[in-house]
Amino acid sequence: MSRYFFLFIILFIITYGCHHSPYRQTNKSYKKQAKQYSKIFRQQPEMFPVNNAPNASWIGTTNFNIRKPNFVIIHHTAQNSCVQTLKTFTMPKTQVSAHYVICKNGTIHHMLNDYLRAWHGGIGKWGSLNDINSSSLGIEIDNNGFENFTEPQINSLLVLLDTLKRKYAIPVANFIGHSDIAPTRKVDPNVNFPWQVLAQQGFGLWYDTTTDSLPTDFNSLQALRIIGYDIKDSTAAIGAFKRKFLQQDKSTILTDEDKRVLYNIMKKSL
């Protein structure tokens, strides 16, 4: 009797473990890679002997820390479920990842240590910054790109952003979207995303008036550049701006009202 009982327990543990730990292998891979990188951090700095000069000796400085993130990039997943996104981010062949994924019910999955570099931004530019991934945190929100974001998602996002802002002293203006840094390639987090709600809580810029008179020499493209947009493709940059601040994605022409919004945001960026 006891023999069958123990066999039952073993089978139960195996079945339960497999059913409730679908990411057991990917978690194992994560730990392995983290261990490999920890070895790199522990390595003694290399010596660089120069001809006709004495060999340098290693002198370890006492003043250093780990580089921390300075930007937060917000995305929508462009997929149909959180499960699908988590699978995408745990498959080596996809070569994409993010630090956080927020599901429709508000669940936050923290997928990567904040100090490590996720592959979420791709080729992009913001101001003079070209390597976005090396200085940012990526947050993916479960949304196919056309639907509204859920209240639990936004509530969880606000809590997460508050935590990150306090922990890493991230500037208000450095909470931006994927389409901001890659306007020719991306539209996320799409026109339905509540940027104004975030700005009211101190995460990102927003305009507070459109009554300002425009300077006679106001240059729209120059204003976009000052905010941070790459204006190499001016049409794409204008489209990204209107998608975010005017919640319009049908036109890339700046009206006088649009320009007043742009002017106000530009002044906040200075």
Foldseek 3Di string as FASTA:
>chain_A
DVVVVVVVVVVCCVVVCVVPCVCPVLVVVVVVVVVVVVVVVPDQDDWDDDPPDDTDDGDDDPDDDAAAAQAEAEFEPLDQFPVVSVVLQSDVVNQFHFQWEAGLQQDIDGDDDRSDFGHHQPAFWFQPDGPNRNRYGYYYYHDSQPDARHPSNVVSVLVVVVVSCVVPVHAQARYYYSCQGVLVPDQPPWLNDCPVVSVVSRHHDAFDDLPDDDDPPDDLLVLLSLSTHDCPPVQSSQQNLCCPHVVDNPDSDQDSSNVSRSVRSSVVSD
